[in-house]
């Protein structure tokens, strides 16, 4: 991160999705307005806390699998959110100490905590860039990215709980396609995405809460999430509920509680 990064003013007058997510995870980086909005979501969908935890757990497992089994040494994590340890680079570097990770987010709140994302092993490297997933070209051309990642070698594109904040009007599939086009064969996509498939009525309430708070969302079906992986070789078990993607132990939560489609694909 360079000195040219200047944090924009943080709006605490209305709830923010990253701070609400921090609340779901039991963090401390949120305000009363976020707590109130998050508890409104929880009243409609008590499983939100399980969903958030399982999303983090999926990210940990997917990162370890890509490092151990597929030789990935580089990650581009977009929509980073407020840092929650262990962060992606800590998971990757626990397997491969020389792993390199670029975090990207367009949120001034995340920028405030970016120092936490920069604590790399001596062998590896991490950086944070302020960038918007809706502008894939600017993100990929950021000089900080080129300083850390070698895009001539495989890169894992990590999009965790991000794309449901990108509505169809913003061309989500085009965005992911453009990002993957810039990465070589052997690269990967690890993606998680909330879904209304198991309880449409409840998820309509969640949609309304976020939208009315000024954060448009679009939760998608399994088939719609699978479209993000078109042209990739899906790893087993395919696009599945988060806690069923290569679990470390037998899942105990219900699919409806988790309501999160996840998958990992390799670019041929």
Protein backbone atom coordinates (compact mmCIF):
# COMPACT_ATOMS: atom_id res chain seq x y z
CA UNK A 1 0.00 0.00 0.00
CA UNK A 2 1.34 3.42 -0.90
CA UNK A 3 0.96 6.80 0.70
CA UNK A 4 -1.36 7.79 -2.16
CA UNK A 5 -4.15 5.83 -0.49
CA UNK A 6 -6.34 8.29 1.37
CA UNK A 7 -9.26 6.90 3.32
CA UNK A 8 -12.58 8.47 2.50
CA UNK A 9 -14.81 9.50 5.36
CA UNK A 10 -16.52 6.54 6.98
CA UNK A 11 -20.29 6.91 7.14
CA UNK A 12 -21.63 5.72 10.50
CA UNK A 13 -25.13 7.08 9.95
CA UNK A 14 -26.38 3.93 8.23
CA UNK A 15 -25.51 0.23 8.35
CA UNK A 16 -22.67 -1.14 6.28
CA UNK A 17 -22.47 -4.69 4.91
CA UNK A 18 -18.82 -5.22 5.95
CA UNK A 19 -19.49 -4.06 9.50
CA UNK A 20 -22.64 -6.18 9.66
CA UNK A 21 -20.58 -9.18 8.56
CA UNK A 22 -18.08 -8.38 11.29
CA UNK A 23 -20.96 -8.48 13.78
CA UNK A 24 -22.14 -11.87 12.46
CA UNK A 25 -18.62 -13.20 13.07
CA UNK A 26 -18.50 -11.87 16.61
CA UNK A 27 -16.04 -9.08 15.80
CA UNK A 28 -15.75 -5.62 17.32
CA UNK A 29 -15.34 -3.43 14.23
CA UNK A 30 -18.93 -2.22 13.90
CA UNK A 31 -21.23 0.48 15.21
CA UNK A 32 -24.63 0.46 16.87
CA UNK A 33 -26.38 1.10 13.54
CA UNK A 34 -24.71 -2.02 12.11
CA UNK A 35 -25.62 -4.10 15.14
CA UNK A 36 -29.26 -3.06 14.87
CA UNK A 37 -29.42 -3.90 11.15
CA UNK A 38 -27.62 -7.19 11.68
CA UNK A 39 -30.02 -8.17 14.45
CA UNK A 40 -32.93 -7.33 12.14
CA UNK A 41 -31.45 -9.77 9.62
CA UNK A 42 -30.93 -12.34 12.37
CA UNK A 43 -34.55 -12.00 13.48
CA UNK A 44 -35.63 -12.95 9.95
CA UNK A 45 -32.84 -15.48 9.38
CA UNK A 46 -31.23 -16.82 12.58
CA UNK A 47 -28.85 -18.91 10.48
CA UNK A 48 -26.94 -15.80 9.38
CA UNK A 49 -24.33 -16.38 12.09
CA UNK A 50 -23.81 -19.96 10.92
CA UNK A 51 -23.70 -18.79 7.31
CA UNK A 52 -20.97 -16.25 8.07
CA UNK A 53 -18.86 -18.77 10.01
CA UNK A 54 -19.21 -21.40 7.30
CA UNK A 55 -18.21 -18.87 4.67
CA UNK A 56 -14.96 -18.21 6.52
CA UNK A 57 -14.40 -21.91 7.05
CA UNK A 58 -14.89 -22.61 3.33
CA UNK A 59 -12.32 -19.94 2.48
CA UNK A 60 -9.81 -21.58 4.81
CA UNK A 61 -10.36 -25.06 3.35
CA UNK A 62 -10.35 -23.92 -0.28
CA UNK A 63 -7.13 -21.99 0.27
CA UNK A 64 -5.41 -24.99 1.85
CA UNK A 65 -6.60 -27.35 -0.91
CA UNK A 66 -5.35 -25.04 -3.67
CA UNK A 67 -1.99 -24.65 -1.96
CA UNK A 68 -1.46 -28.32 -1.07
CA UNK A 69 -3.00 -30.11 -4.02
CA UNK A 70 -2.82 -27.69 -6.94
CA UNK A 71 0.45 -25.83 -6.49
CA UNK A 72 -1.13 -22.41 -6.12
CA UNK A 73 1.25 -19.85 -4.66
CA UNK A 74 -0.60 -16.62 -5.51
CA UNK A 75 -4.03 -15.26 -4.55
CA UNK A 76 -6.12 -12.28 -5.60
CA UNK A 77 -8.80 -11.78 -2.94
CA UNK A 78 -11.46 -9.26 -3.97
CA UNK A 79 -14.05 -7.94 -1.57
CA UNK A 80 -11.72 -8.57 1.34
CA UNK A 81 -13.88 -7.00 4.03
CA UNK A 82 -12.75 -6.18 7.55
CA UNK A 83 -9.78 -8.42 8.41
CA UNK A 84 -10.63 -11.43 10.58
CA UNK A 85 -7.80 -13.71 11.67
CA UNK A 86 -6.70 -15.99 10.29
CA UNK A 87 -6.77 -13.96 7.10
CA UNK A 88 -6.35 -15.65 3.73
CA UNK A 89 -2.61 -14.97 3.56
CA UNK A 90 -2.09 -16.50 7.00
CA UNK A 91 -3.89 -19.67 5.89
CA UNK A 92 -1.96 -19.84 2.60
CA UNK A 93 1.40 -19.09 4.18
CA UNK A 94 0.85 -21.73 6.86
CA UNK A 95 0.95 -24.24 3.99
CA UNK A 96 3.37 -22.47 1.63
CA UNK A 97 5.38 -19.76 3.42
CA UNK A 98 6.28 -18.05 0.13
CA UNK A 99 2.64 -17.45 -0.85
CA UNK A 100 1.81 -14.04 -2.28
CA UNK A 101 -1.58 -12.42 -1.70
CA UNK A 102 -3.16 -9.25 -3.05
CA UNK A 103 -6.26 -8.04 -1.22
CA UNK A 104 -8.63 -5.66 -2.99
CA UNK A 105 -11.61 -3.69 -1.73
CA UNK A 106 -13.16 -0.29 -2.46
CA UNK A 107 -14.27 0.33 1.10
CA UNK A 108 -12.65 3.08 3.20
CA UNK A 109 -13.38 1.04 6.31
CA UNK A 110 -11.27 -1.85 5.01
CA UNK A 111 -8.49 0.56 4.11
CA UNK A 112 -8.45 1.67 7.73
CA UNK A 113 -7.62 -1.88 8.83
CA UNK A 114 -5.40 -2.77 5.87
CA UNK A 115 -2.28 -2.88 8.05
CA UNK A 116 -3.58 -6.16 9.43
CA UNK A 117 -3.51 -7.58 5.91
CA UNK A 118 0.15 -6.73 5.39
CA UNK A 119 1.75 -8.96 8.00
CA UNK A 120 3.36 -11.46 5.66
CA UNK A 121 5.91 -14.15 6.31
CA UNK A 122 9.47 -13.10 5.36
CA UNK A 123 9.33 -15.50 2.38
CA UNK A 124 5.97 -14.32 1.04
CA UNK A 125 4.37 -10.98 0.23
CA UNK A 126 1.00 -9.32 0.75
CA UNK A 127 -0.46 -5.98 -0.24
CA UNK A 128 -3.79 -4.19 -0.25
CA UNK A 129 -5.15 -2.20 -3.18
CA UNK A 130 -8.17 0.06 -3.19
CA UNK A 131 -10.15 -1.12 -6.19
CA UNK A 132 -13.70 -1.91 -7.27
CA UNK A 133 -14.70 -5.31 -8.68
CA UNK A 134 -16.99 -3.43 -11.07
CA UNK A 135 -13.89 -2.00 -12.76
CA UNK A 136 -11.93 -5.16 -13.48
CA UNK A 137 -9.53 -3.41 -15.83
CA UNK A 138 -8.39 -0.83 -13.30
CA UNK A 139 -8.07 -3.51 -10.64
CA UNK A 140 -5.93 -5.77 -12.83
CA UNK A 141 -3.75 -2.85 -13.96
CA UNK A 142 -3.08 -1.53 -10.45
CA UNK A 143 0.71 -1.18 -10.10
CA UNK A 144 0.61 -2.69 -6.60
CA UNK A 145 -0.83 -5.90 -8.05
CA UNK A 146 2.02 -6.24 -10.54
CA UNK A 147 4.54 -5.68 -7.76
CA UNK A 148 3.30 -8.74 -5.84
CA UNK A 149 1.70 -11.14 -8.34
CA UNK A 150 3.23 -12.70 -11.44
CA UNK A 151 0.19 -13.08 -13.69
CA UNK A 152 2.20 -15.33 -15.97
CA UNK A 153 1.90 -17.98 -13.25
CA UNK A 154 -1.30 -19.45 -11.76
CA UNK A 155 -3.33 -17.21 -9.47
CA UNK A 156 -6.32 -18.16 -7.33
CA UNK A 157 -9.14 -15.65 -7.69
CA UNK A 158 -10.96 -15.58 -4.36
CA UNK A 159 -14.49 -14.12 -4.40
CA UNK A 160 -16.01 -14.92 -1.03
CA UNK A 161 -19.50 -13.60 -0.25
CA UNK A 162 -18.93 -10.84 -2.81
CA UNK A 163 -20.92 -11.52 -5.96
CA UNK A 164 -24.32 -11.36 -4.27
CA UNK A 165 -23.55 -7.64 -3.87
CA UNK A 166 -23.24 -7.41 -7.68
CA UNK A 167 -26.68 -7.33 -9.29
CA UNK A 168 -27.43 -8.59 -12.79
CA UNK A 169 -27.51 -4.97 -14.00
CA UNK A 170 -23.79 -4.77 -13.12
CA UNK A 171 -22.92 -7.81 -15.31
CA UNK A 172 -21.55 -10.18 -12.64
CA UNK A 173 -20.72 -12.98 -15.06
CA UNK A 174 -18.90 -10.60 -17.37
CA UNK A 175 -16.87 -9.28 -14.43
CA UNK A 176 -15.74 -12.75 -13.34
CA UNK A 177 -15.00 -13.73 -16.93
CA UNK A 178 -12.80 -10.67 -17.46
CA UNK A 179 -10.88 -11.35 -14.28
CA UNK A 180 -10.29 -14.99 -15.23
CA UNK A 181 -9.29 -14.08 -18.78
CA UNK A 182 -6.32 -12.18 -17.35
CA UNK A 183 -5.05 -15.26 -15.50
CA UNK A 184 -3.13 -18.19 -17.05
CA UNK A 185 -3.96 -21.87 -17.29
CA UNK A 186 -3.79 -23.55 -13.88
CA UNK A 187 -5.36 -20.57 -12.14
CA UNK A 188 -8.41 -21.08 -9.95
CA UNK A 189 -11.70 -19.53 -8.92
CA UNK A 190 -12.89 -20.02 -5.32
CA UNK A 191 -16.34 -18.53 -4.83
CA UNK A 192 -19.07 -18.46 -2.19
CA UNK A 193 -22.51 -16.94 -2.69
CA UNK A 194 -25.63 -16.74 -0.51
CA UNK A 195 -28.76 -18.36 -1.89
CA UNK A 196 -32.55 -18.27 -1.40
CA UNK A 197 -32.89 -21.88 -2.61
CA UNK A 198 -33.71 -23.39 0.79
CA UNK A 199 -36.05 -20.67 2.11
CA UNK A 200 -37.12 -18.12 -0.53
CA UNK A 201 -39.45 -16.21 1.80
CA UNK A 202 -36.79 -15.63 4.43
CA UNK A 203 -34.21 -14.56 1.88
CA UNK A 204 -36.63 -12.08 0.35
CA UNK A 205 -36.83 -10.48 3.81
CA UNK A 206 -33.00 -10.37 3.96
CA UNK A 207 -32.91 -8.84 0.48
CA UNK A 208 -35.37 -6.15 1.54
CA UNK A 209 -33.38 -5.33 4.70
CA UNK A 210 -30.13 -4.80 2.78
CA UNK A 211 -31.76 -2.95 -0.10
CA UNK A 212 -33.66 -0.61 2.20
CA UNK A 213 -30.40 0.12 4.02
CA UNK A 214 -28.85 1.25 0.73
CA UNK A 215 -26.98 -1.93 -0.21
CA UNK A 216 -28.53 -3.68 -3.23
CA UNK A 217 -28.14 -7.47 -3.17
CA UNK A 218 -29.05 -10.34 -5.47
CA UNK A 219 -28.94 -13.81 -3.95
CA UNK A 220 -28.78 -16.56 -6.57
CA UNK A 221 -29.79 -20.18 -7.15
CA UNK A 222 -27.37 -23.09 -7.46
CA UNK A 223 -27.68 -23.01 -11.25
CA UNK A 224 -26.97 -19.28 -11.31
CA UNK A 225 -23.92 -19.70 -9.08
CA UNK A 226 -22.69 -22.60 -11.22
CA UNK A 227 -22.62 -20.21 -14.21
CA UNK A 228 -19.64 -18.43 -12.65
CA UNK A 229 -17.64 -21.63 -13.19
CA UNK A 230 -18.44 -22.10 -16.88
CA UNK A 231 -15.29 -23.12 -18.76
CA UNK A 232 -13.52 -24.21 -15.57
CA UNK A 233 -12.85 -27.72 -14.26
CA UNK A 234 -14.84 -27.94 -11.04
CA UNK A 235 -13.15 -29.73 -8.17
CA UNK A 236 -15.20 -32.33 -6.31
CA UNK A 237 -17.81 -32.05 -4.87
CA UNK A 238 -18.79 -29.34 -7.37
CA UNK A 239 -21.06 -26.45 -6.42
CA UNK A 240 -22.34 -27.45 -3.01
CA UNK A 241 -23.52 -25.95 0.27
CA UNK A 242 -20.58 -24.36 2.10
CA UNK A 243 -20.28 -26.79 5.00
CA UNK A 244 -20.33 -29.74 2.56
CA UNK A 245 -17.33 -28.60 0.52
CA UNK A 246 -14.58 -30.95 1.74
CA UNK A 247 -15.44 -30.56 5.44
CA UNK A 248 -12.82 -31.22 8.09
CA UNK A 249 -15.49 -32.95 10.19
CA UNK A 250 -19.03 -34.20 9.74
CA UNK A 251 -21.36 -31.20 9.15
CA UNK A 252 -23.95 -30.59 11.85
CA UNK A 253 -25.72 -27.48 10.50
CA UNK A 254 -28.63 -27.83 8.09
CA UNK A 255 -28.37 -26.70 4.47
CA UNK A 256 -31.05 -24.07 5.14
CA UNK A 257 -29.06 -22.63 8.04
CA UNK A 258 -25.98 -22.24 5.86
CA UNK A 259 -27.72 -21.18 2.61
CA UNK A 260 -24.39 -20.63 0.89
CA UNK A 261 -23.31 -22.15 -2.42
CA UNK A 262 -19.57 -22.69 -2.77
CA UNK A 263 -17.23 -24.07 -5.38
CA UNK A 264 -13.66 -24.17 -6.64
CA UNK A 265 -12.73 -24.47 -10.31
CA UNK A 266 -9.42 -24.70 -12.18
CA UNK A 267 -8.82 -22.89 -15.46
CA UNK A 268 -7.76 -25.39 -18.16
